[in-house]
Amino acid sequence: MEPSPVDAVPSFRHFVLAFGINLLLWLLLVGKLRPQEVVLGALVALVVTLAAGPRLAVLTGLRLSPTAPVYLIWYLGVFLAQLLKANLQLARLVLSPSLPIHPAVVEVRTGLRSSLGRILLANSITLTPGTLTVDVQDDRILVHWVDCPPGADLEAATQAMVSAFERPLSGFLT
């Protein structure tokens, strides 16, 4: 198992990546490329990056490759599709007069090894209506599921829940 972000030491690459992301975010928010905005943005990005320094080791889970943006876009598409599907299913349950819900707590396993990968997977599950991540321990994620149909194959259902997100995430995270 990889060291936790608290134990890991961020590398120079992590600082450069964080600085670049912070500067890009600043420039996108400002909306102008005037020299004074770029200089001020660089100063703000540097201060924010240095303040976040000890926590930047979480970025060790990133897999920077030429195909990473493709996997990121794939993940965002999968997330939006799962979000829409879960919203419609939950709306159907809530609007049903008998409110036929069968809550359950299920444990799912993930193949993602990095803290960042597991955090993103857990948050993706939580942001999907009808599910809530309760705990993350090593490769196990404990999920509260609002409607777990009686007699359902829990292993297959939970694997489907995780694999939808895990495949694209594994393209840019370890």
N, C-alpha and C. Protein backbone atom coordinates (compact mmCIF):
# COMPACT_ATOMS: atom_id res chain seq x y z
N MET A 1 0.85 -1.18 0.00
CA MET A 1 0.00 0.00 0.00
C MET A 1 0.88 1.23 0.00
N GLU A 2 0.46 2.26 -0.70
CA GLU A 2 1.28 3.46 -0.79
C GLU A 2 1.15 4.29 0.49
N PRO A 3 2.17 5.11 0.81
CA PRO A 3 2.10 5.91 2.01
C PRO A 3 0.97 6.92 1.92
N SER A 4 0.43 7.26 3.08
CA SER A 4 -0.65 8.25 3.09
C SER A 4 -0.08 9.61 2.73
N PRO A 5 -0.92 10.54 2.24
CA PRO A 5 -0.44 11.86 1.86
C PRO A 5 0.23 12.59 3.02
N VAL A 6 -0.14 12.25 4.25
CA VAL A 6 0.47 12.89 5.40
C VAL A 6 1.93 12.46 5.52
N ASP A 7 2.21 11.17 5.22
CA ASP A 7 3.56 10.63 5.34
C ASP A 7 4.42 10.96 4.12
N ALA A 8 3.82 11.06 2.95
CA ALA A 8 4.57 11.28 1.73
C ALA A 8 5.06 12.72 1.67
N VAL A 9 6.17 12.89 0.97
CA VAL A 9 6.75 14.22 0.81
C VAL A 9 6.47 14.68 -0.62
N PRO A 10 5.86 15.87 -0.78
CA PRO A 10 5.57 16.34 -2.13
C PRO A 10 6.86 16.65 -2.89
N SER A 11 6.87 16.34 -4.17
CA SER A 11 8.04 16.60 -4.99
C SER A 11 7.91 17.97 -5.66
N PHE A 12 9.00 18.37 -6.30
CA PHE A 12 9.00 19.64 -7.03
C PHE A 12 7.93 19.62 -8.11
N ARG A 13 7.73 18.46 -8.74
CA ARG A 13 6.72 18.31 -9.79
C ARG A 13 5.33 18.63 -9.26
N HIS A 14 5.04 18.21 -8.01
CA HIS A 14 3.74 18.51 -7.41
C HIS A 14 3.54 20.01 -7.24
N PHE A 15 4.61 20.70 -6.80
CA PHE A 15 4.52 22.15 -6.62
C PHE A 15 4.30 22.84 -7.97
N VAL A 16 5.01 22.41 -9.00
CA VAL A 16 4.85 23.02 -10.32
C VAL A 16 3.44 22.78 -10.85
N LEU A 17 2.94 21.57 -10.70
CA LEU A 17 1.58 21.25 -11.15
C LEU A 17 0.54 22.09 -10.41
N ALA A 18 0.67 22.16 -9.10
CA ALA A 18 -0.29 22.95 -8.30
C ALA A 18 -0.20 24.44 -8.66
N PHE A 19 1.02 24.94 -8.84
CA PHE A 19 1.19 26.34 -9.21
C PHE A 19 0.52 26.60 -10.56
N GLY A 20 0.74 25.72 -11.53
CA GLY A 20 0.14 25.89 -12.85
C GLY A 20 -1.38 25.87 -12.80
N ILE A 21 -1.93 24.95 -12.03
CA ILE A 21 -3.39 24.86 -11.90
C ILE A 21 -3.94 26.12 -11.23
N ASN A 22 -3.28 26.57 -10.16
CA ASN A 22 -3.73 27.78 -9.46
C ASN A 22 -3.66 29.01 -10.37
N LEU A 23 -2.57 29.13 -11.13
CA LEU A 23 -2.43 30.27 -12.03
C LEU A 23 -3.49 30.22 -13.13
N LEU A 24 -3.70 29.04 -13.69
CA LEU A 24 -4.72 28.88 -14.73
C LEU A 24 -6.10 29.24 -14.19
N LEU A 25 -6.40 28.77 -12.99
CA LEU A 25 -7.69 29.09 -12.38
C LEU A 25 -7.84 30.60 -12.17
N TRP A 26 -6.78 31.25 -11.70
CA TRP A 26 -6.79 32.70 -11.52
C TRP A 26 -7.08 33.40 -12.84
N LEU A 27 -6.38 33.02 -13.89
CA LEU A 27 -6.55 33.67 -15.18
C LEU A 27 -7.94 33.42 -15.76
N LEU A 28 -8.47 32.24 -15.53
CA LEU A 28 -9.84 31.96 -16.01
C LEU A 28 -10.86 32.80 -15.25
N LEU A 29 -10.64 32.98 -13.95
CA LEU A 29 -11.58 33.78 -13.16
C LEU A 29 -11.49 35.26 -13.49
N VAL A 30 -10.28 35.74 -13.75
CA VAL A 30 -10.10 37.16 -14.08
C VAL A 30 -10.60 37.44 -15.49
N GLY A 31 -10.30 36.55 -16.42
CA GLY A 31 -10.79 36.70 -17.78
C GLY A 31 -9.99 37.66 -18.65
N LYS A 32 -8.86 38.15 -18.17
CA LYS A 32 -8.03 39.06 -18.95
C LYS A 32 -6.57 38.63 -18.85
N LEU A 33 -5.82 38.86 -19.92
CA LEU A 33 -4.41 38.49 -19.92
C LEU A 33 -3.51 39.73 -19.85
N ARG A 34 -3.92 40.73 -19.13
CA ARG A 34 -3.08 41.91 -18.96
C ARG A 34 -1.88 41.55 -18.10
N PRO A 35 -0.75 42.19 -18.34
CA PRO A 35 0.47 41.85 -17.59
C PRO A 35 0.30 41.93 -16.07
N GLN A 36 -0.40 42.95 -15.58
CA GLN A 36 -0.56 43.08 -14.13
C GLN A 36 -1.41 41.94 -13.55
N GLU A 37 -2.37 41.44 -14.34
CA GLU A 37 -3.19 40.31 -13.89
C GLU A 37 -2.37 39.02 -13.83
N VAL A 38 -1.50 38.85 -14.81
CA VAL A 38 -0.65 37.65 -14.84
C VAL A 38 0.34 37.68 -13.67
N VAL A 39 0.94 38.84 -13.40
CA VAL A 39 1.90 38.96 -12.28
C VAL A 39 1.19 38.75 -10.95
N LEU A 40 0.05 39.41 -10.76
CA LEU A 40 -0.69 39.23 -9.51
C LEU A 40 -1.17 37.78 -9.37
N GLY A 41 -1.62 37.19 -10.47
CA GLY A 41 -2.04 35.80 -10.44
C GLY A 41 -0.90 34.87 -10.08
N ALA A 42 0.30 35.14 -10.60
CA ALA A 42 1.46 34.32 -10.28
C ALA A 42 1.80 34.43 -8.79
N LEU A 43 1.70 35.64 -8.25
CA LEU A 43 1.98 35.81 -6.81
C LEU A 43 0.96 35.08 -5.95
N VAL A 44 -0.31 35.21 -6.29
CA VAL A 44 -1.37 34.53 -5.54
C VAL A 44 -1.21 33.01 -5.67
N ALA A 45 -0.92 32.54 -6.89
CA ALA A 45 -0.74 31.11 -7.11
C ALA A 45 0.45 30.59 -6.31
N LEU A 46 1.51 31.37 -6.22
CA LEU A 46 2.68 30.95 -5.45
C LEU A 46 2.36 30.86 -3.96
N VAL A 47 1.65 31.86 -3.44
CA VAL A 47 1.29 31.84 -2.01
C VAL A 47 0.37 30.66 -1.70
N VAL A 48 -0.62 30.44 -2.53
CA VAL A 48 -1.56 29.32 -2.32
C VAL A 48 -0.82 27.98 -2.42
N THR A 49 0.06 27.85 -3.40
CA THR A 49 0.81 26.61 -3.57
C THR A 49 1.71 26.34 -2.37
N LEU A 50 2.41 27.37 -1.89
CA LEU A 50 3.27 27.18 -0.72
C LEU A 50 2.47 26.87 0.54
N ALA A 51 1.30 27.50 0.68
CA ALA A 51 0.45 27.22 1.84
C ALA A 51 -0.08 25.78 1.81
N ALA A 52 -0.34 25.28 0.63
CA ALA A 52 -0.87 23.92 0.49
C ALA A 52 0.25 22.88 0.40
N GLY A 53 1.48 23.32 0.43
CA GLY A 53 2.65 22.45 0.23
C GLY A 53 2.61 21.09 0.87
N PRO A 54 2.38 21.00 2.19
CA PRO A 54 2.40 19.67 2.81
C PRO A 54 1.32 18.72 2.29
N ARG A 55 0.25 19.25 1.76
CA ARG A 55 -0.86 18.42 1.27
C ARG A 55 -0.73 18.04 -0.20
N LEU A 56 0.27 18.56 -0.88
CA LEU A 56 0.40 18.31 -2.31
C LEU A 56 0.82 16.88 -2.65
N ALA A 57 1.24 16.12 -1.67
CA ALA A 57 1.64 14.73 -1.92
C ALA A 57 0.45 13.89 -2.39
N VAL A 58 -0.77 14.35 -2.17
CA VAL A 58 -1.94 13.61 -2.65
C VAL A 58 -1.92 13.52 -4.18
N LEU A 59 -1.19 14.42 -4.82
CA LEU A 59 -1.11 14.42 -6.28
C LEU A 59 -0.25 13.29 -6.83
N THR A 60 0.37 12.49 -5.95
CA THR A 60 1.17 11.36 -6.44
C THR A 60 0.29 10.36 -7.18
N GLY A 61 -1.00 10.40 -6.97
CA GLY A 61 -1.91 9.47 -7.63
C GLY A 61 -2.21 9.83 -9.07
N LEU A 62 -1.81 11.03 -9.50
CA LEU A 62 -2.08 11.44 -10.88
C LEU A 62 -1.19 10.69 -11.86
N ARG A 63 -1.76 10.28 -12.95
CA ARG A 63 -1.01 9.62 -14.02
C ARG A 63 -1.02 10.59 -15.19
N LEU A 64 0.07 11.32 -15.36
CA LEU A 64 0.15 12.30 -16.44
C LEU A 64 0.67 11.61 -17.70
N SER A 65 -0.20 11.49 -18.67
CA SER A 65 0.15 10.86 -19.95
C SER A 65 -0.62 11.57 -21.05
N PRO A 66 -0.24 11.33 -22.29
CA PRO A 66 -0.97 11.98 -23.39
C PRO A 66 -2.46 11.59 -23.44
N THR A 67 -2.79 10.41 -22.92
CA THR A 67 -4.19 9.96 -22.97
C THR A 67 -4.99 10.39 -21.73
N ALA A 68 -4.34 10.95 -20.73
CA ALA A 68 -5.03 11.34 -19.50
C ALA A 68 -6.22 12.28 -19.75
N PRO A 69 -6.09 13.31 -20.59
CA PRO A 69 -7.25 14.18 -20.85
C PRO A 69 -8.44 13.44 -21.45
N VAL A 70 -8.16 12.43 -22.27
CA VAL A 70 -9.24 11.64 -22.87
C VAL A 70 -9.99 10.88 -21.77
N TYR A 71 -9.22 10.27 -20.85
CA TYR A 71 -9.84 9.54 -19.75
C TYR A 71 -10.60 10.48 -18.82
N LEU A 72 -10.08 11.68 -18.61
CA LEU A 72 -10.77 12.66 -17.78
C LEU A 72 -12.11 13.05 -18.40
N ILE A 73 -12.12 13.28 -19.69
CA ILE A 73 -13.38 13.63 -20.38
C ILE A 73 -14.33 12.44 -20.35
N TRP A 74 -13.81 11.23 -20.50
CA TRP A 74 -14.63 10.02 -20.42
C TRP A 74 -15.24 9.92 -19.02
N TYR A 75 -14.44 10.15 -17.98
CA TYR A 75 -14.94 10.10 -16.60
C TYR A 75 -16.06 11.13 -16.42
N LEU A 76 -15.87 12.36 -16.89
CA LEU A 76 -16.90 13.39 -16.73
C LEU A 76 -18.19 12.99 -17.44
N GLY A 77 -18.08 12.38 -18.62
CA GLY A 77 -19.27 11.90 -19.33
C GLY A 77 -19.98 10.80 -18.57
N VAL A 78 -19.20 9.84 -18.04
CA VAL A 78 -19.78 8.74 -17.25
C VAL A 78 -20.44 9.30 -16.00
N PHE A 79 -19.76 10.25 -15.35
CA PHE A 79 -20.32 10.84 -14.14
C PHE A 79 -21.65 11.54 -14.43
N LEU A 80 -21.70 12.32 -15.49
CA LEU A 80 -22.95 13.00 -15.85
C LEU A 80 -24.06 12.01 -16.20
N ALA A 81 -23.71 10.94 -16.91
CA ALA A 81 -24.72 9.92 -17.25
C ALA A 81 -25.23 9.23 -15.99
N GLN A 82 -24.33 8.86 -15.08
CA GLN A 82 -24.73 8.21 -13.83
C GLN A 82 -25.56 9.15 -12.97
N LEU A 83 -25.19 10.42 -12.98
CA LEU A 83 -25.92 11.43 -12.22
C LEU A 83 -27.36 11.56 -12.73
N LEU A 84 -27.52 11.63 -14.03
CA LEU A 84 -28.86 11.74 -14.63
C LEU A 84 -29.68 10.48 -14.34
N LYS A 85 -29.06 9.31 -14.53
CA LYS A 85 -29.75 8.04 -14.30
C LYS A 85 -30.20 7.92 -12.83
N ALA A 86 -29.31 8.24 -11.91
CA ALA A 86 -29.64 8.14 -10.48
C ALA A 86 -30.71 9.15 -10.08
N ASN A 87 -30.67 10.36 -10.64
CA ASN A 87 -31.69 11.35 -10.35
C ASN A 87 -33.07 10.88 -10.80
N LEU A 88 -33.14 10.29 -11.98
CA LEU A 88 -34.42 9.79 -12.48
C LEU A 88 -34.94 8.63 -11.63
N GLN A 89 -34.05 7.71 -11.23
CA GLN A 89 -34.46 6.58 -10.40
C GLN A 89 -34.94 7.07 -9.03
N LEU A 90 -34.22 8.02 -8.44
CA LEU A 90 -34.60 8.53 -7.13
C LEU A 90 -35.91 9.33 -7.21
N ALA A 91 -36.09 10.09 -8.27
CA ALA A 91 -37.34 10.84 -8.45
C ALA A 91 -38.52 9.88 -8.57
N ARG A 92 -38.32 8.77 -9.30
CA ARG A 92 -39.39 7.76 -9.43
C ARG A 92 -39.75 7.19 -8.06
N LEU A 93 -38.73 6.91 -7.24
CA LEU A 93 -38.99 6.37 -5.90
C LEU A 93 -39.72 7.36 -5.02
N VAL A 94 -39.26 8.60 -5.04
CA VAL A 94 -39.84 9.61 -4.16
C VAL A 94 -41.27 9.95 -4.56
N LEU A 95 -41.54 9.96 -5.87
CA LEU A 95 -42.88 10.30 -6.34
C LEU A 95 -43.85 9.13 -6.28
N SER A 96 -43.35 7.94 -6.01
CA SER A 96 -44.22 6.77 -5.89
C SER A 96 -45.02 6.87 -4.60
N PRO A 97 -46.33 6.64 -4.64
CA PRO A 97 -47.16 6.78 -3.44
C PRO A 97 -46.73 5.87 -2.28
N SER A 98 -46.24 4.68 -2.59
CA SER A 98 -45.88 3.76 -1.51
C SER A 98 -44.44 3.94 -1.02
N LEU A 99 -43.65 4.74 -1.71
CA LEU A 99 -42.25 4.99 -1.37
C LEU A 99 -41.52 3.67 -1.14
N PRO A 100 -41.40 2.86 -2.20
CA PRO A 100 -40.82 1.51 -2.05
C PRO A 100 -39.30 1.52 -1.97
N ILE A 101 -38.77 1.91 -0.83
CA ILE A 101 -37.32 1.91 -0.70
C ILE A 101 -36.87 0.76 0.20
N HIS A 102 -35.68 0.29 -0.05
CA HIS A 102 -35.06 -0.79 0.72
C HIS A 102 -33.62 -0.39 1.00
N PRO A 103 -33.40 0.43 2.01
CA PRO A 103 -32.03 0.89 2.26
C PRO A 103 -31.12 -0.24 2.71
N ALA A 104 -29.84 -0.10 2.37
CA ALA A 104 -28.84 -1.09 2.77
C ALA A 104 -27.48 -0.41 2.80
N VAL A 105 -26.58 -0.99 3.57
CA VAL A 105 -25.20 -0.56 3.58
C VAL A 105 -24.40 -1.68 2.94
N VAL A 106 -23.69 -1.34 1.88
CA VAL A 106 -22.93 -2.35 1.14
C VAL A 106 -21.46 -1.96 1.12
N GLU A 107 -20.63 -2.97 1.01
CA GLU A 107 -19.19 -2.74 0.94
C GLU A 107 -18.73 -3.03 -0.47
N VAL A 108 -18.03 -2.08 -1.07
CA VAL A 108 -17.50 -2.29 -2.41
C VAL A 108 -15.98 -2.23 -2.34
N ARG A 109 -15.35 -2.92 -3.25
CA ARG A 109 -13.89 -2.92 -3.33
C ARG A 109 -13.46 -2.18 -4.58
N THR A 110 -12.33 -1.51 -4.48
CA THR A 110 -11.80 -0.77 -5.61
C THR A 110 -10.39 -1.24 -5.95
N GLY A 111 -10.05 -1.12 -7.20
CA GLY A 111 -8.70 -1.46 -7.63
C GLY A 111 -7.80 -0.24 -7.67
N LEU A 112 -8.37 0.94 -7.40
CA LEU A 112 -7.55 2.16 -7.38
C LEU A 112 -6.64 2.13 -6.16
N ARG A 113 -5.36 2.43 -6.35
CA ARG A 113 -4.40 2.32 -5.26
C ARG A 113 -4.08 3.64 -4.58
N SER A 114 -4.22 4.74 -5.28
CA SER A 114 -3.82 6.03 -4.71
C SER A 114 -4.94 6.62 -3.84
N SER A 115 -4.53 7.43 -2.90
CA SER A 115 -5.50 8.13 -2.06
C SER A 115 -6.40 9.03 -2.90
N LEU A 116 -5.80 9.71 -3.87
CA LEU A 116 -6.57 10.61 -4.73
C LEU A 116 -7.62 9.83 -5.53
N GLY A 117 -7.24 8.67 -6.05
CA GLY A 117 -8.18 7.84 -6.80
C GLY A 117 -9.34 7.38 -5.95
N ARG A 118 -9.04 6.93 -4.74
CA ARG A 118 -10.09 6.46 -3.84
C ARG A 118 -11.00 7.60 -3.39
N ILE A 119 -10.41 8.76 -3.14
CA ILE A 119 -11.20 9.93 -2.74
C ILE A 119 -12.15 10.33 -3.86
N LEU A 120 -11.63 10.38 -5.08
CA LEU A 120 -12.47 10.78 -6.21
C LEU A 120 -13.57 9.76 -6.47
N LEU A 121 -13.26 8.47 -6.34
CA LEU A 121 -14.28 7.44 -6.50
C LEU A 121 -15.34 7.55 -5.41
N ALA A 122 -14.92 7.71 -4.16
CA ALA A 122 -15.87 7.84 -3.05
C ALA A 122 -16.75 9.07 -3.22
N ASN A 123 -16.17 10.17 -3.66
CA ASN A 123 -16.97 11.39 -3.86
C ASN A 123 -17.90 11.25 -5.06
N SER A 124 -17.49 10.53 -6.08
CA SER A 124 -18.37 10.30 -7.23
C SER A 124 -19.58 9.49 -6.81
N ILE A 125 -19.36 8.49 -5.96
CA ILE A 125 -20.48 7.68 -5.45
C ILE A 125 -21.40 8.55 -4.59
N THR A 126 -20.82 9.36 -3.73
CA THR A 126 -21.61 10.21 -2.84
C THR A 126 -22.42 11.24 -3.61
N LEU A 127 -21.85 11.81 -4.67
CA LEU A 127 -22.54 12.84 -5.43
C LEU A 127 -23.65 12.28 -6.32
N THR A 128 -23.69 10.97 -6.47
CA THR A 128 -24.76 10.33 -7.22
C THR A 128 -25.95 10.12 -6.30
N PRO A 129 -27.11 10.72 -6.60
CA PRO A 129 -28.27 10.60 -5.70
C PRO A 129 -28.63 9.15 -5.40
N GLY A 130 -28.95 8.91 -4.15
CA GLY A 130 -29.35 7.58 -3.72
C GLY A 130 -28.22 6.80 -3.09
N THR A 131 -27.02 7.33 -3.12
CA THR A 131 -25.88 6.65 -2.50
C THR A 131 -25.08 7.66 -1.67
N LEU A 132 -24.44 7.14 -0.64
CA LEU A 132 -23.64 7.98 0.23
C LEU A 132 -22.45 7.17 0.74
N THR A 133 -21.26 7.64 0.49
CA THR A 133 -20.07 6.96 1.00
C THR A 133 -19.97 7.22 2.49
N VAL A 134 -19.90 6.15 3.26
CA VAL A 134 -19.84 6.26 4.72
C VAL A 134 -18.41 6.21 5.21
N ASP A 135 -17.59 5.33 4.59
CA ASP A 135 -16.22 5.16 5.07
C ASP A 135 -15.35 4.61 3.94
N VAL A 136 -14.08 4.96 3.98
CA VAL A 136 -13.09 4.43 3.04
C VAL A 136 -11.95 3.86 3.86
N GLN A 137 -11.70 2.58 3.73
CA GLN A 137 -10.61 1.90 4.42
C GLN A 137 -9.86 1.07 3.40
N ASP A 138 -8.61 1.42 3.15
CA ASP A 138 -7.79 0.70 2.18
C ASP A 138 -8.52 0.58 0.85
N ASP A 139 -8.80 -0.65 0.39
CA ASP A 139 -9.47 -0.81 -0.90
C ASP A 139 -10.97 -1.03 -0.76
N ARG A 140 -11.51 -0.81 0.44
CA ARG A 140 -12.95 -1.00 0.67
C ARG A 140 -13.64 0.34 0.89
N ILE A 141 -14.80 0.46 0.29
CA ILE A 141 -15.63 1.66 0.45
C ILE A 141 -16.98 1.20 0.94
N LEU A 142 -17.41 1.76 2.06
CA LEU A 142 -18.71 1.44 2.65
C LEU A 142 -19.72 2.46 2.13
N VAL A 143 -20.78 1.97 1.49
CA VAL A 143 -21.76 2.85 0.83
C VAL A 143 -23.15 2.58 1.36
N HIS A 144 -23.86 3.66 1.74
CA HIS A 144 -25.28 3.56 2.09
C HIS A 144 -26.05 3.74 0.80
N TRP A 145 -26.91 2.77 0.51
CA TRP A 145 -27.67 2.72 -0.72
C TRP A 145 -29.14 2.86 -0.36
N VAL A 146 -29.82 3.86 -0.91
CA VAL A 146 -31.21 4.13 -0.56
C VAL A 146 -32.14 3.01 -1.00
N ASP A 147 -31.92 2.48 -2.19
CA ASP A 147 -32.82 1.44 -2.68
C ASP A 147 -32.04 0.24 -3.19
N CYS A 148 -31.92 -0.74 -2.35
CA CYS A 148 -31.27 -2.00 -2.70
C CYS A 148 -32.40 -3.03 -2.81
N PRO A 149 -32.81 -3.35 -4.03
CA PRO A 149 -33.96 -4.25 -4.20
C PRO A 149 -33.75 -5.58 -3.49
N PRO A 150 -34.80 -6.08 -2.83
CA PRO A 150 -34.66 -7.36 -2.15
C PRO A 150 -34.34 -8.47 -3.15
N GLY A 151 -33.43 -9.34 -2.76
CA GLY A 151 -33.05 -10.45 -3.62
C GLY A 151 -32.06 -10.07 -4.71
N ALA A 152 -31.63 -8.82 -4.70
CA ALA A 152 -30.68 -8.39 -5.73
C ALA A 152 -29.31 -9.00 -5.48
N ASP A 153 -28.58 -9.24 -6.53
CA ASP A 153 -27.21 -9.73 -6.42
C ASP A 153 -26.34 -8.54 -6.02
N LEU A 154 -26.08 -8.42 -4.71
CA LEU A 154 -25.34 -7.26 -4.20
C LEU A 154 -23.96 -7.13 -4.82
N GLU A 155 -23.30 -8.24 -5.01
CA GLU A 155 -21.94 -8.20 -5.57
C GLU A 155 -21.96 -7.61 -6.98
N ALA A 156 -22.88 -8.07 -7.80
CA ALA A 156 -22.97 -7.58 -9.18
C ALA A 156 -23.41 -6.12 -9.23
N ALA A 157 -24.38 -5.76 -8.38
CA ALA A 157 -24.88 -4.39 -8.38
C ALA A 157 -23.82 -3.40 -7.91
N THR A 158 -23.12 -3.75 -6.84
CA THR A 158 -22.09 -2.83 -6.33
C THR A 158 -20.91 -2.77 -7.28
N GLN A 159 -20.58 -3.89 -7.92
CA GLN A 159 -19.48 -3.88 -8.88
C GLN A 159 -19.83 -3.01 -10.08
N ALA A 160 -21.09 -3.04 -10.48
CA ALA A 160 -21.52 -2.18 -11.58
C ALA A 160 -21.42 -0.71 -11.19
N MET A 161 -21.77 -0.42 -9.92
CA MET A 161 -21.70 0.96 -9.42
C MET A 161 -20.26 1.46 -9.45
N VAL A 162 -19.34 0.65 -9.01
CA VAL A 162 -17.94 1.07 -8.91
C VAL A 162 -17.26 1.04 -10.27
N SER A 163 -17.49 0.00 -11.06
CA SER A 163 -16.77 -0.14 -12.32
C SER A 163 -17.11 0.96 -13.32
N ALA A 164 -18.32 1.49 -13.26
CA ALA A 164 -18.69 2.58 -14.16
C ALA A 164 -17.75 3.77 -13.97
N PHE A 165 -17.38 4.06 -12.73
CA PHE A 165 -16.48 5.17 -12.45
C PHE A 165 -15.01 4.74 -12.52
N GLU A 166 -14.73 3.52 -12.10
CA GLU A 166 -13.35 3.08 -11.93
C GLU A 166 -12.59 2.97 -13.26
N ARG A 167 -13.25 2.51 -14.29
CA ARG A 167 -12.55 2.33 -15.58
C ARG A 167 -11.99 3.65 -16.09
N PRO A 168 -12.79 4.72 -16.21
CA PRO A 168 -12.18 5.97 -16.71
C PRO A 168 -11.21 6.60 -15.69
N LEU A 169 -11.50 6.44 -14.39
CA LEU A 169 -10.60 7.01 -13.38
C LEU A 169 -9.22 6.37 -13.45
N SER A 170 -9.17 5.07 -13.74
CA SER A 170 -7.87 4.39 -13.78
C SER A 170 -7.02 4.86 -14.95
N GLY A 171 -7.58 5.60 -15.88
CA GLY A 171 -6.82 6.13 -17.00
C GLY A 171 -5.97 7.33 -16.64
N PHE A 172 -6.36 8.06 -15.59
CA PHE A 172 -5.55 9.21 -15.20
C PHE A 172 -5.20 9.21 -13.71
N LEU A 173 -5.60 8.18 -12.98
CA LEU A 173 -5.24 8.03 -11.58
C LEU A 173 -4.76 6.60 -11.34
N THR A 174 -3.91 6.43 -10.32
CA THR A 174 -3.45 5.08 -10.00
C THR A 174 -4.28 4.50 -8.88
